[in-house]
């Protein structure tokens, strides 16, 4: 009976992934569209953003609509200008997807 020795590859080092995060104080929230305010429109838009390795937003799309086109458009417009601390993989900045709810609520309604 013959026994063969098989070399096992070394186990790879574990990968440490840190998610992207908004830079505190540098991202202006969306403005409430005047017509939406006048019509008492409210809602929450789920945005899906591609955050590049340099922290800029490369692409923004709607993951779930607020049901109000004006609110959706304003959320997209605002998010396209935001900056993030990019995700990192083993300490190296990488592009990544980031989901964020943008809520439009009228707080001054009676």
PDB file of N, CA and C in Angstrom:
ATOM      1  N   UNK A   1       0.865  -1.175   0.000  1.00  0.00           N
ATOM      2  CA  UNK A   1       0.000   0.000   0.000  1.00  0.00           C
ATOM      3  C   UNK A   1       0.906   1.231   0.000  1.00  0.00           C
ATOM      4  N   UNK A   2       0.642   2.202  -0.918  1.00  0.00           N
ATOM      5  CA  UNK A   2       1.452   3.406  -1.043  1.00  0.00           C
ATOM      6  C   UNK A   2       0.711   4.586  -0.456  1.00  0.00           C
ATOM      7  N   UNK A   3       1.437   5.402   0.277  1.00  0.00           N
ATOM      8  CA  UNK A   3       0.854   6.608   0.868  1.00  0.00           C
ATOM      9  C   UNK A   3       1.528   7.805   0.227  1.00  0.00           C
ATOM     10  N   UNK A   4       0.731   8.729  -0.295  1.00  0.00           N
ATOM     11  CA  UNK A   4       1.295   9.929  -0.907  1.00  0.00           C
ATOM     12  C   UNK A   4       1.189  11.089   0.064  1.00  0.00           C
ATOM     13  N   UNK A   5       2.213  11.915   0.059  1.00  0.00           N
ATOM     14  CA  UNK A   5       2.177  13.140   0.868  1.00  0.00           C
ATOM     15  C   UNK A   5       1.565  14.242   0.011  1.00  0.00           C
ATOM     16  N   UNK A   6       0.601  14.926   0.564  1.00  0.00           N
ATOM     17  CA  UNK A   6      -0.065  16.018  -0.154  1.00  0.00           C
ATOM     18  C   UNK A   6       0.265  17.317   0.568  1.00  0.00           C
ATOM     19  N   UNK A   7       0.807  18.272  -0.154  1.00  0.00           N
ATOM     20  CA  UNK A   7       1.096  19.575   0.434  1.00  0.00           C
ATOM     21  C   UNK A   7      -0.183  20.396   0.483  1.00  0.00           C
ATOM     22  N   UNK A   8      -0.480  20.901   1.644  1.00  0.00           N
ATOM     23  CA  UNK A   8      -1.663  21.746   1.807  1.00  0.00           C
ATOM     24  C   UNK A   8      -1.234  23.192   1.662  1.00  0.00           C
ATOM     25  N   UNK A   9      -1.996  23.974   0.896  1.00  0.00           N
ATOM     26  CA  UNK A   9      -1.640  25.395   0.784  1.00  0.00           C
ATOM     27  C   UNK A   9      -1.826  26.087   2.131  1.00  0.00           C
ATOM     28  N   UNK A  10      -1.018  27.118   2.338  1.00  0.00           N
ATOM     29  CA  UNK A  10      -1.161  27.876   3.580  1.00  0.00           C
ATOM     30  C   UNK A  10      -2.522  28.559   3.595  1.00  0.00           C
ATOM     31  N   UNK A  11      -3.085  28.633   4.769  1.00  0.00           N
ATOM     32  CA  UNK A  11      -4.366  29.325   4.908  1.00  0.00           C
ATOM     33  C   UNK A  11      -4.142  30.821   4.671  1.00  0.00           C
ATOM     34  N   UNK A  12      -5.017  31.452   3.896  1.00  0.00           N
ATOM     35  CA  UNK A  12      -4.841  32.887   3.665  1.00  0.00           C
ATOM     36  C   UNK A  12      -5.088  33.671   4.955  1.00  0.00           C
ATOM     37  N   UNK A  13      -4.448  34.809   5.032  1.00  0.00           N
ATOM     38  CA  UNK A  13      -4.681  35.698   6.164  1.00  0.00           C
ATOM     39  C   UNK A  13      -6.135  36.151   6.130  1.00  0.00           C
ATOM     40  N   UNK A  14      -6.772  36.295   7.276  1.00  0.00           N
ATOM     41  CA  UNK A  14      -8.157  36.773   7.259  1.00  0.00           C
ATOM     42  C   UNK A  14      -8.216  38.203   6.710  1.00  0.00           C
ATOM     43  N   UNK A  15      -9.236  38.473   5.947  1.00  0.00           N
ATOM     44  CA  UNK A  15      -9.431  39.795   5.376  1.00  0.00           C
ATOM     45  C   UNK A  15     -10.244  40.633   6.351  1.00  0.00           C
ATOM     46  N   UNK A  16      -9.786  41.851   6.586  1.00  0.00           N
ATOM     47  CA  UNK A  16     -10.513  42.771   7.455  1.00  0.00           C
ATOM     48  C   UNK A  16     -11.160  43.817   6.552  1.00  0.00           C
ATOM     49  N   UNK A  17     -12.485  43.846   6.554  1.00  0.00           N
ATOM     50  CA  UNK A  17     -13.231  44.798   5.735  1.00  0.00           C
ATOM     51  C   UNK A  17     -13.936  45.789   6.646  1.00  0.00           C
ATOM     52  N   UNK A  18     -13.705  47.059   6.413  1.00  0.00           N
ATOM     53  CA  UNK A  18     -14.372  48.124   7.162  1.00  0.00           C
ATOM     54  C   UNK A  18     -15.287  48.845   6.189  1.00  0.00           C
ATOM     55  N   UNK A  19     -16.557  48.984   6.555  1.00  0.00           N
ATOM     56  CA  UNK A  19     -17.552  49.604   5.670  1.00  0.00           C
ATOM     57  C   UNK A  19     -17.320  51.099   5.521  1.00  0.00           C
ATOM     58  N   UNK A  20     -17.795  51.647   4.405  1.00  0.00           N
ATOM     59  CA  UNK A  20     -17.779  53.095   4.194  1.00  0.00           C
ATOM     60  C   UNK A  20     -18.692  53.747   5.222  1.00  0.00           C
ATOM     61  N   UNK A  21     -18.406  55.007   5.530  1.00  0.00           N
ATOM     62  CA  UNK A  21     -19.270  55.733   6.466  1.00  0.00           C
ATOM     63  C   UNK A  21     -19.280  57.205   6.084  1.00  0.00           C
ATOM     64  N   UNK A  22     -20.423  57.869   6.275  1.00  0.00           N
ATOM     65  CA  UNK A  22     -20.510  59.293   5.964  1.00  0.00           C
ATOM     66  C   UNK A  22     -19.521  60.084   6.826  1.00  0.00           C
ATOM     67  N   UNK A  23     -18.977  61.145   6.258  1.00  0.00           N
ATOM     68  CA  UNK A  23     -18.086  62.020   7.011  1.00  0.00           C
ATOM     69  C   UNK A  23     -18.961  62.992   7.786  1.00  0.00           C
ATOM     70  N   UNK A  24     -18.887  62.898   9.096  1.00  0.00           N
ATOM     71  CA  UNK A  24     -19.722  63.695  10.000  1.00  0.00           C
ATOM     72  C   UNK A  24     -19.564  65.193   9.714  1.00  0.00           C
ATOM     73  N   UNK A  25     -20.689  65.876   9.552  1.00  0.00           N
ATOM     74  CA  UNK A  25     -20.689  67.321   9.401  1.00  0.00           C
ATOM     75  C   UNK A  25     -20.359  67.846   8.010  1.00  0.00           C
ATOM     76  N   UNK A  26     -20.050  66.971   7.065  1.00  0.00           N
ATOM     77  CA  UNK A  26     -19.678  67.485   5.743  1.00  0.00           C
ATOM     78  C   UNK A  26     -20.745  67.240   4.673  1.00  0.00           C
ATOM     79  N   UNK A  27     -21.784  66.512   4.999  1.00  0.00           N
ATOM     80  CA  UNK A  27     -22.819  66.192   4.012  1.00  0.00           C
ATOM     81  C   UNK A  27     -24.117  66.912   4.359  1.00  0.00           C
ATOM     82  N   UNK A  28     -24.482  67.843   3.494  1.00  0.00           N
ATOM     83  CA  UNK A  28     -25.720  68.591   3.726  1.00  0.00           C
ATOM     84  C   UNK A  28     -26.921  67.708   3.450  1.00  0.00           C
ATOM     85  N   UNK A  29     -27.908  67.730   4.335  1.00  0.00           N
ATOM     86  CA  UNK A  29     -29.116  66.941   4.071  1.00  0.00           C
ATOM     87  C   UNK A  29     -29.870  67.520   2.877  1.00  0.00           C
ATOM     88  N   UNK A  30     -30.708  66.720   2.264  1.00  0.00           N
ATOM     89  CA  UNK A  30     -31.503  67.233   1.144  1.00  0.00           C
ATOM     90  C   UNK A  30     -32.418  68.360   1.607  1.00  0.00           C
ATOM     91  N   UNK A  31     -32.692  69.284   0.705  1.00  0.00           N
ATOM     92  CA  UNK A  31     -33.673  70.335   1.001  1.00  0.00           C
ATOM     93  C   UNK A  31     -35.060  69.768   0.744  1.00  0.00           C
ATOM     94  N   UNK A  32     -35.994  70.200   1.553  1.00  0.00           N
ATOM     95  CA  UNK A  32     -37.376  69.747   1.347  1.00  0.00           C
ATOM     96  C   UNK A  32     -37.913  70.504   0.143  1.00  0.00           C
ATOM     97  N   UNK A  33     -38.304  69.827  -0.926  1.00  0.00           N
ATOM     98  CA  UNK A  33     -38.833  70.538  -2.090  1.00  0.00           C
ATOM     99  C   UNK A  33     -40.056  71.383  -1.714  1.00  0.00           C
ATOM    100  N   UNK A  34     -40.062  72.621  -2.153  1.00  0.00           N
ATOM    101  CA  UNK A  34     -41.135  73.561  -1.800  1.00  0.00           C
ATOM    102  C   UNK A  34     -42.510  73.016  -2.151  1.00  0.00           C
ATOM    103  N   UNK A  35     -42.641  72.462  -3.355  1.00  0.00           N
ATOM    104  CA  UNK A  35     -43.942  71.934  -3.787  1.00  0.00           C
ATOM    105  C   UNK A  35     -44.356  70.721  -2.941  1.00  0.00           C
ATOM    106  N   UNK A  36     -43.392  69.891  -2.573  1.00  0.00           N
ATOM    107  CA  UNK A  36     -43.696  68.737  -1.720  1.00  0.00           C
ATOM    108  C   UNK A  36     -44.155  69.205  -0.343  1.00  0.00           C
ATOM    109  N   UNK A  37     -43.521  70.249   0.171  1.00  0.00           N
ATOM    110  CA  UNK A  37     -43.938  70.807   1.475  1.00  0.00           C
ATOM    111  C   UNK A  37     -45.358  71.366   1.367  1.00  0.00           C
ATOM    112  N   UNK A  38     -45.613  72.109   0.285  1.00  0.00           N
ATOM    113  CA  UNK A  38     -46.932  72.703   0.091  1.00  0.00           C
ATOM    114  C   UNK A  38     -48.018  71.633   0.031  1.00  0.00           C
ATOM    115  N   UNK A  39     -47.698  70.489  -0.568  1.00  0.00           N
ATOM    116  CA  UNK A  39     -48.662  69.395  -0.710  1.00  0.00           C
ATOM    117  C   UNK A  39     -48.623  68.408   0.465  1.00  0.00           C
ATOM    118  N   UNK A  40     -47.829  68.727   1.489  1.00  0.00           N
ATOM    119  CA  UNK A  40     -47.685  67.876   2.684  1.00  0.00           C
ATOM    120  C   UNK A  40     -47.213  66.467   2.334  1.00  0.00           C
ATOM    121  N   UNK A  41     -46.320  66.363   1.355  1.00  0.00           N
ATOM    122  CA  UNK A  41     -45.771  65.063   0.961  1.00  0.00           C
ATOM    123  C   UNK A  41     -44.647  64.663   1.919  1.00  0.00           C
ATOM    124  N   UNK A  42     -44.692  63.413   2.355  1.00  0.00           N
ATOM    125  CA  UNK A  42     -43.666  62.852   3.225  1.00  0.00           C
ATOM    126  C   UNK A  42     -43.275  61.483   2.694  1.00  0.00           C
ATOM    127  N   UNK A  43     -42.151  60.972   3.148  1.00  0.00           N
ATOM    128  CA  UNK A  43     -41.754  59.628   2.757  1.00  0.00           C
ATOM    129  C   UNK A  43     -40.297  59.366   3.048  1.00  0.00           C
ATOM    130  N   UNK A  44     -39.907  58.111   2.872  1.00  0.00           N
ATOM    131  CA  UNK A  44     -38.528  57.682   3.079  1.00  0.00           C
ATOM    132  C   UNK A  44     -38.023  57.036   1.801  1.00  0.00           C
ATOM    133  N   UNK A  45     -36.862  57.498   1.351  1.00  0.00           N
ATOM    134  CA  UNK A  45     -36.221  56.985   0.137  1.00  0.00           C
ATOM    135  C   UNK A  45     -35.035  56.134   0.580  1.00  0.00           C
ATOM    136  N   UNK A  46     -34.953  54.907   0.098  1.00  0.00           N
ATOM    137  CA  UNK A  46     -33.764  54.093   0.328  1.00  0.00           C
ATOM    138  C   UNK A  46     -32.833  54.323  -0.858  1.00  0.00           C
ATOM    139  N   UNK A  47     -31.673  54.900  -0.587  1.00  0.00           N
ATOM    140  CA  UNK A  47     -30.684  55.132  -1.629  1.00  0.00           C
ATOM    141  C   UNK A  47     -29.624  54.044  -1.582  1.00  0.00           C
ATOM    142  N   UNK A  48     -29.154  53.658  -2.743  1.00  0.00           N
ATOM    143  CA  UNK A  48     -28.029  52.740  -2.865  1.00  0.00           C
ATOM    144  C   UNK A  48     -26.935  53.529  -3.568  1.00  0.00           C
ATOM    145  N   UNK A  49     -25.824  53.733  -2.859  1.00  0.00           N
ATOM    146  CA  UNK A  49     -24.729  54.550  -3.380  1.00  0.00           C
ATOM    147  C   UNK A  49     -23.509  53.681  -3.637  1.00  0.00           C
ATOM    148  N   UNK A  50     -22.780  54.004  -4.693  1.00  0.00           N
ATOM    149  CA  UNK A  50     -21.471  53.403  -4.912  1.00  0.00           C
ATOM    150  C   UNK A  50     -20.468  54.441  -4.422  1.00  0.00           C
ATOM    151  N   UNK A  51     -19.739  54.100  -3.368  1.00  0.00           N
ATOM    152  CA  UNK A  51     -18.733  54.995  -2.801  1.00  0.00           C
ATOM    153  C   UNK A  51     -17.380  54.535  -3.326  1.00  0.00           C
ATOM    154  N   UNK A  52     -16.714  55.421  -4.064  1.00  0.00           N
ATOM    155  CA  UNK A  52     -15.420  55.103  -4.652  1.00  0.00           C
ATOM    156  C   UNK A  52     -14.340  55.033  -3.582  1.00  0.00           C
ATOM    157  N   UNK A  53     -13.188  54.525  -3.955  1.00  0.00           N
ATOM    158  CA  UNK A  53     -12.064  54.400  -3.024  1.00  0.00           C
ATOM    159  C   UNK A  53     -11.577  55.754  -2.530  1.00  0.00           C
ATOM    160  N   UNK A  54     -11.896  56.832  -3.266  1.00  0.00           N
ATOM    161  CA  UNK A  54     -11.490  58.173  -2.805  1.00  0.00           C
ATOM    162  C   UNK A  54     -12.559  58.830  -1.934  1.00  0.00           C
ATOM    163  N   UNK A  55     -13.669  58.125  -1.672  1.00  0.00           N
ATOM    164  CA  UNK A  55     -14.727  58.637  -0.803  1.00  0.00           C
ATOM    165  C   UNK A  55     -15.816  59.410  -1.516  1.00  0.00           C
ATOM    166  N   UNK A  56     -15.678  59.613  -2.818  1.00  0.00           N
ATOM    167  CA  UNK A  56     -16.721  60.314  -3.564  1.00  0.00           C
ATOM    168  C   UNK A  56     -17.829  59.329  -3.947  1.00  0.00           C
ATOM    169  N   UNK A  57     -18.995  59.876  -4.231  1.00  0.00           N
ATOM    170  CA  UNK A  57     -20.133  59.052  -4.649  1.00  0.00           C
ATOM    171  C   UNK A  57     -20.070  58.923  -6.160  1.00  0.00           C
ATOM    172  N   UNK A  58     -19.897  57.695  -6.624  1.00  0.00           N
ATOM    173  CA  UNK A  58     -19.776  57.453  -8.060  1.00  0.00           C
ATOM    174  C   UNK A  58     -21.110  57.224  -8.735  1.00  0.00           C
ATOM    175  N   UNK A  59     -22.045  56.661  -8.011  1.00  0.00           N
ATOM    176  CA  UNK A  59     -23.364  56.359  -8.580  1.00  0.00           C
ATOM    177  C   UNK A  59     -24.372  56.339  -7.448  1.00  0.00           C
ATOM    178  N   UNK A  60     -25.564  56.825  -7.727  1.00  0.00           N
ATOM    179  CA  UNK A  60     -26.657  56.781  -6.756  1.00  0.00           C
ATOM    180  C   UNK A  60     -27.887  56.253  -7.477  1.00  0.00           C
ATOM    181  N   UNK A  61     -28.579  55.323  -6.840  1.00  0.00           N
ATOM    182  CA  UNK A  61     -29.845  54.840  -7.403  1.00  0.00           C
ATOM    183  C   UNK A  61     -30.832  54.643  -6.261  1.00  0.00           C
ATOM    184  N   UNK A  62     -32.072  54.551  -6.631  1.00  0.00           N
ATOM    185  CA  UNK A  62     -33.125  54.353  -5.635  1.00  0.00           C
ATOM    186  C   UNK A  62     -33.335  52.860  -5.431  1.00  0.00           C
ATOM    187  N   UNK A  63     -33.161  52.428  -4.199  1.00  0.00           N
ATOM    188  CA  UNK A  63     -33.431  51.038  -3.843  1.00  0.00           C
ATOM    189  C   UNK A  63     -34.895  50.835  -3.520  1.00  0.00           C
ATOM    190  N   UNK A  64     -35.511  51.875  -2.928  1.00  0.00           N
ATOM    191  CA  UNK A  64     -36.951  51.865  -2.626  1.00  0.00           C
ATOM    192  C   UNK A  64     -37.429  53.306  -2.666  1.00  0.00           C
ATOM    193  N   UNK A  65     -38.416  53.554  -3.461  1.00  0.00           N
ATOM    194  CA  UNK A  65     -38.959  54.895  -3.633  1.00  0.00           C
ATOM    195  C   UNK A  65     -39.771  55.324  -2.412  1.00  0.00           C
ATOM    196  N   UNK A  66     -39.822  56.630  -2.221  1.00  0.00           N
ATOM    197  CA  UNK A  66     -40.697  57.193  -1.184  1.00  0.00           C
ATOM    198  C   UNK A  66     -42.146  57.182  -1.648  1.00  0.00           C
ATOM    199  N   UNK A  67     -42.342  56.977  -2.946  1.00  0.00           N
ATOM    200  CA  UNK A  67     -43.677  57.071  -3.526  1.00  0.00           C
ATOM    201  C   UNK A  67     -43.970  58.491  -4.002  1.00  0.00           C
ATOM    202  N   UNK A  68     -43.019  59.388  -3.818  1.00  0.00           N
ATOM    203  CA  UNK A  68     -43.153  60.794  -4.218  1.00  0.00           C
ATOM    204  C   UNK A  68     -41.941  61.171  -5.067  1.00  0.00           C
ATOM    205  N   UNK A  69     -42.169  61.403  -6.356  1.00  0.00           N
ATOM    206  CA  UNK A  69     -41.067  61.679  -7.291  1.00  0.00           C
ATOM    207  C   UNK A  69     -40.231  62.877  -6.864  1.00  0.00           C
ATOM    208  N   UNK A  70     -40.860  63.925  -6.339  1.00  0.00           N
ATOM    209  CA  UNK A  70     -40.113  65.113  -5.912  1.00  0.00           C
ATOM    210  C   UNK A  70     -39.116  64.783  -4.800  1.00  0.00           C
ATOM    211  N   UNK A  71     -39.555  63.975  -3.857  1.00  0.00           N
ATOM    212  CA  UNK A  71     -38.684  63.598  -2.741  1.00  0.00           C
ATOM    213  C   UNK A  71     -37.556  62.694  -3.223  1.00  0.00           C
ATOM    214  N   UNK A  72     -37.879  61.752  -4.087  1.00  0.00           N
ATOM    215  CA  UNK A  72     -36.855  60.857  -4.641  1.00  0.00           C
ATOM    216  C   UNK A  72     -35.784  61.660  -5.377  1.00  0.00           C
ATOM    217  N   UNK A  73     -36.200  62.604  -6.228  1.00  0.00           N
ATOM    218  CA  UNK A  73     -35.235  63.412  -7.002  1.00  0.00           C
ATOM    219  C   UNK A  73     -34.325  64.218  -6.095  1.00  0.00           C
ATOM    220  N   UNK A  74     -34.891  64.814  -5.058  1.00  0.00           N
ATOM    221  CA  UNK A  74     -34.086  65.639  -4.152  1.00  0.00           C
ATOM    222  C   UNK A  74     -33.093  64.785  -3.367  1.00  0.00           C
ATOM    223  N   UNK A  75     -33.497  63.598  -2.955  1.00  0.00           N
ATOM    224  CA  UNK A  75     -32.576  62.701  -2.251  1.00  0.00           C
ATOM    225  C   UNK A  75     -31.420  62.305  -3.163  1.00  0.00           C
ATOM    226  N   UNK A  76     -31.705  61.979  -4.417  1.00  0.00           N
ATOM    227  CA  UNK A  76     -30.658  61.638  -5.389  1.00  0.00           C
ATOM    228  C   UNK A  76     -29.706  62.811  -5.604  1.00  0.00           C
ATOM    229  N   UNK A  77     -30.261  64.009  -5.767  1.00  0.00           N
ATOM    230  CA  UNK A  77     -29.455  65.203  -6.024  1.00  0.00           C
ATOM    231  C   UNK A  77     -28.495  65.470  -4.868  1.00  0.00           C
ATOM    232  N   UNK A  78     -29.014  65.415  -3.655  1.00  0.00           N
ATOM    233  CA  UNK A  78     -28.183  65.701  -2.483  1.00  0.00           C
ATOM    234  C   UNK A  78     -27.091  64.647  -2.306  1.00  0.00           C
ATOM    235  N   UNK A  79     -27.445  63.384  -2.432  1.00  0.00           N
ATOM    236  CA  UNK A  79     -26.494  62.297  -2.179  1.00  0.00           C
ATOM    237  C   UNK A  79     -25.343  62.292  -3.180  1.00  0.00           C
ATOM    238  N   UNK A  80     -25.583  62.743  -4.386  1.00  0.00           N
ATOM    239  CA  UNK A  80     -24.530  62.760  -5.406  1.00  0.00           C
ATOM    240  C   UNK A  80     -23.362  63.653  -4.998  1.00  0.00           C
ATOM    241  N   UNK A  81     -23.583  64.586  -4.079  1.00  0.00           N
ATOM    242  CA  UNK A  81     -22.529  65.517  -3.638  1.00  0.00           C
ATOM    243  C   UNK A  81     -21.850  65.097  -2.336  1.00  0.00           C
ATOM    244  N   UNK A  82     -22.335  64.063  -1.699  1.00  0.00           N
ATOM    245  CA  UNK A  82     -21.811  63.684  -0.397  1.00  0.00           C
ATOM    246  C   UNK A  82     -20.418  63.088  -0.492  1.00  0.00           C
ATOM    247  N   UNK A  83     -19.707  63.105   0.648  1.00  0.00           N
ATOM    248  CA  UNK A  83     -18.373  62.519   0.775  1.00  0.00           C
ATOM    249  C   UNK A  83     -18.414  61.484   1.897  1.00  0.00           C
ATOM    250  N   UNK A  84     -17.624  60.458   1.739  1.00  0.00           N
ATOM    251  CA  UNK A  84     -17.567  59.364   2.702  1.00  0.00           C
ATOM    252  C   UNK A  84     -16.120  59.034   3.047  1.00  0.00           C
ATOM    253  N   UNK A  85     -15.943  58.459   4.214  1.00  0.00           N
ATOM    254  CA  UNK A  85     -14.695  57.760   4.506  1.00  0.00           C
ATOM    255  C   UNK A  85     -14.880  56.416   3.798  1.00  0.00           C
ATOM    256  N   UNK A  86     -14.039  56.108   2.826  1.00  0.00           N
ATOM    257  CA  UNK A  86     -14.290  54.905   2.021  1.00  0.00           C
ATOM    258  C   UNK A  86     -14.140  53.621   2.831  1.00  0.00           C
ATOM    259  N   UNK A  87     -14.722  52.572   2.294  1.00  0.00           N
ATOM    260  CA  UNK A  87     -14.512  51.246   2.870  1.00  0.00           C
ATOM    261  C   UNK A  87     -13.034  50.893   2.693  1.00  0.00           C
ATOM    262  N   UNK A  88     -12.547  50.028   3.563  1.00  0.00           N
ATOM    263  CA  UNK A  88     -11.168  49.551   3.405  1.00  0.00           C
ATOM    264  C   UNK A  88     -11.145  48.038   3.515  1.00  0.00           C
ATOM    265  N   UNK A  89     -10.224  47.451   2.784  1.00  0.00           N
ATOM    266  CA  UNK A  89      -9.969  46.013   2.888  1.00  0.00           C
ATOM    267  C   UNK A  89      -8.507  45.879   3.271  1.00  0.00           C
ATOM    268  N   UNK A  90      -8.275  45.350   4.453  1.00  0.00           N
ATOM    269  CA  UNK A  90      -6.920  45.229   4.992  1.00  0.00           C
ATOM    270  C   UNK A  90      -6.196  46.567   4.983  1.00  0.00           C
ATOM    271  N   UNK A  91      -6.956  47.638   5.311  1.00  0.00           N
ATOM    272  CA  UNK A  91      -6.364  48.966   5.416  1.00  0.00           C
ATOM    273  C   UNK A  91      -6.238  49.729   4.116  1.00  0.00           C
ATOM    274  N   UNK A  92      -6.603  49.116   2.999  1.00  0.00           N
ATOM    275  CA  UNK A  92      -6.499  49.761   1.687  1.00  0.00           C
ATOM    276  C   UNK A  92      -7.886  50.225   1.253  1.00  0.00           C
ATOM    277  N   UNK A  93      -8.063  51.517   0.906  1.00  0.00           N
ATOM    278  CA  UNK A  93      -9.381  51.997   0.471  1.00  0.00           C
ATOM    279  C   UNK A  93      -9.874  51.250  -0.771  1.00  0.00           C
ATOM    280  N   UNK A  94     -11.155  50.896  -0.746  1.00  0.00           N
ATOM    281  CA  UNK A  94     -11.790  50.194  -1.869  1.00  0.00           C
ATOM    282  C   UNK A  94     -13.171  50.789  -2.111  1.00  0.00           C
ATOM    283  N   UNK A  95     -13.663  50.660  -3.321  1.00  0.00           N
ATOM    284  CA  UNK A  95     -15.031  51.059  -3.629  1.00  0.00           C
ATOM    285  C   UNK A  95     -16.005  50.074  -3.010  1.00  0.00           C
ATOM    286  N   UNK A  96     -17.188  50.563  -2.665  1.00  0.00           N
ATOM    287  CA  UNK A  96     -18.183  49.677  -2.053  1.00  0.00           C
ATOM    288  C   UNK A  96     -19.572  50.269  -2.188  1.00  0.00           C
ATOM    289  N   UNK A  97     -20.556  49.417  -1.999  1.00  0.00           N
ATOM    290  CA  UNK A  97     -21.948  49.844  -2.016  1.00  0.00           C
ATOM    291  C   UNK A  97     -22.359  50.239  -0.603  1.00  0.00           C
ATOM    292  N   UNK A  98     -23.196  51.265  -0.516  1.00  0.00           N
ATOM    293  CA  UNK A  98     -23.644  51.779   0.779  1.00  0.00           C
ATOM    294  C   UNK A  98     -25.127  52.087   0.659  1.00  0.00           C
ATOM    295  N   UNK A  99     -25.942  51.597   1.591  1.00  0.00           N
ATOM    296  CA  UNK A  99     -27.379  51.877   1.583  1.00  0.00           C
ATOM    297  C   UNK A  99     -27.709  52.861   2.692  1.00  0.00           C
ATOM    298  N   UNK A 100     -28.628  53.762   2.388  1.00  0.00           N
ATOM    299  CA  UNK A 100     -28.963  54.813   3.334  1.00  0.00           C
ATOM    300  C   UNK A 100     -30.412  55.231   3.147  1.00  0.00           C
ATOM    301  N   UNK A 101     -31.162  55.304   4.252  1.00  0.00           N
ATOM    302  CA  UNK A 101     -32.524  55.834   4.214  1.00  0.00           C
ATOM    303  C   UNK A 101     -32.465  57.349   4.350  1.00  0.00           C
ATOM    304  N   UNK A 102     -33.190  58.047   3.492  1.00  0.00           N
ATOM    305  CA  UNK A 102     -33.337  59.504   3.588  1.00  0.00           C
ATOM    306  C   UNK A 102     -34.813  59.754   3.882  1.00  0.00           C
ATOM    307  N   UNK A 103     -35.058  60.337   5.034  1.00  0.00           N
ATOM    308  CA  UNK A 103     -36.429  60.523   5.499  1.00  0.00           C
ATOM    309  C   UNK A 103     -36.857  61.981   5.322  1.00  0.00           C
ATOM    310  N   UNK A 104     -38.014  62.162   4.735  1.00  0.00           N
ATOM    311  CA  UNK A 104     -38.623  63.487   4.600  1.00  0.00           C
ATOM    312  C   UNK A 104     -39.861  63.501   5.489  1.00  0.00           C
ATOM    313  N   UNK A 105     -39.818  64.299   6.565  1.00  0.00           N
ATOM    314  CA  UNK A 105     -40.942  64.432   7.485  1.00  0.00           C
ATOM    315  C   UNK A 105     -41.189  65.905   7.745  1.00  0.00           C
ATOM    316  N   UNK A 106     -42.436  66.283   7.702  1.00  0.00           N
ATOM    317  CA  UNK A 106     -42.804  67.671   8.017  1.00  0.00           C
ATOM    318  C   UNK A 106     -43.003  67.774   9.513  1.00  0.00           C
ATOM    319  N   UNK A 107     -42.109  68.481  10.161  1.00  0.00           N
ATOM    320  CA  UNK A 107     -42.195  68.608  11.623  1.00  0.00           C
ATOM    321  C   UNK A 107     -42.989  69.833  12.055  1.00  0.00           C
ATOM    322  N   UNK A 108     -43.234  70.749  11.116  1.00  0.00           N
ATOM    323  CA  UNK A 108     -43.949  71.977  11.487  1.00  0.00           C
ATOM    324  C   UNK A 108     -45.445  71.919  11.181  1.00  0.00           C
ATOM    325  N   UNK A 109     -45.923  70.690  10.870  1.00  0.00           N
ATOM    326  CA  UNK A 109     -47.365  70.536  10.614  1.00  0.00           C
ATOM    327  C   UNK A 109     -48.120  70.509  11.921  1.00  0.00           C
ATOM    328  N   UNK A 110     -49.338  71.010  11.901  1.00  0.00           N
ATOM    329  CA  UNK A 110     -50.185  70.992  13.104  1.00  0.00           C
ATOM    330  C   UNK A 110     -51.135  69.824  13.038  1.00  0.00           C
TER     331      UNK A 110
END
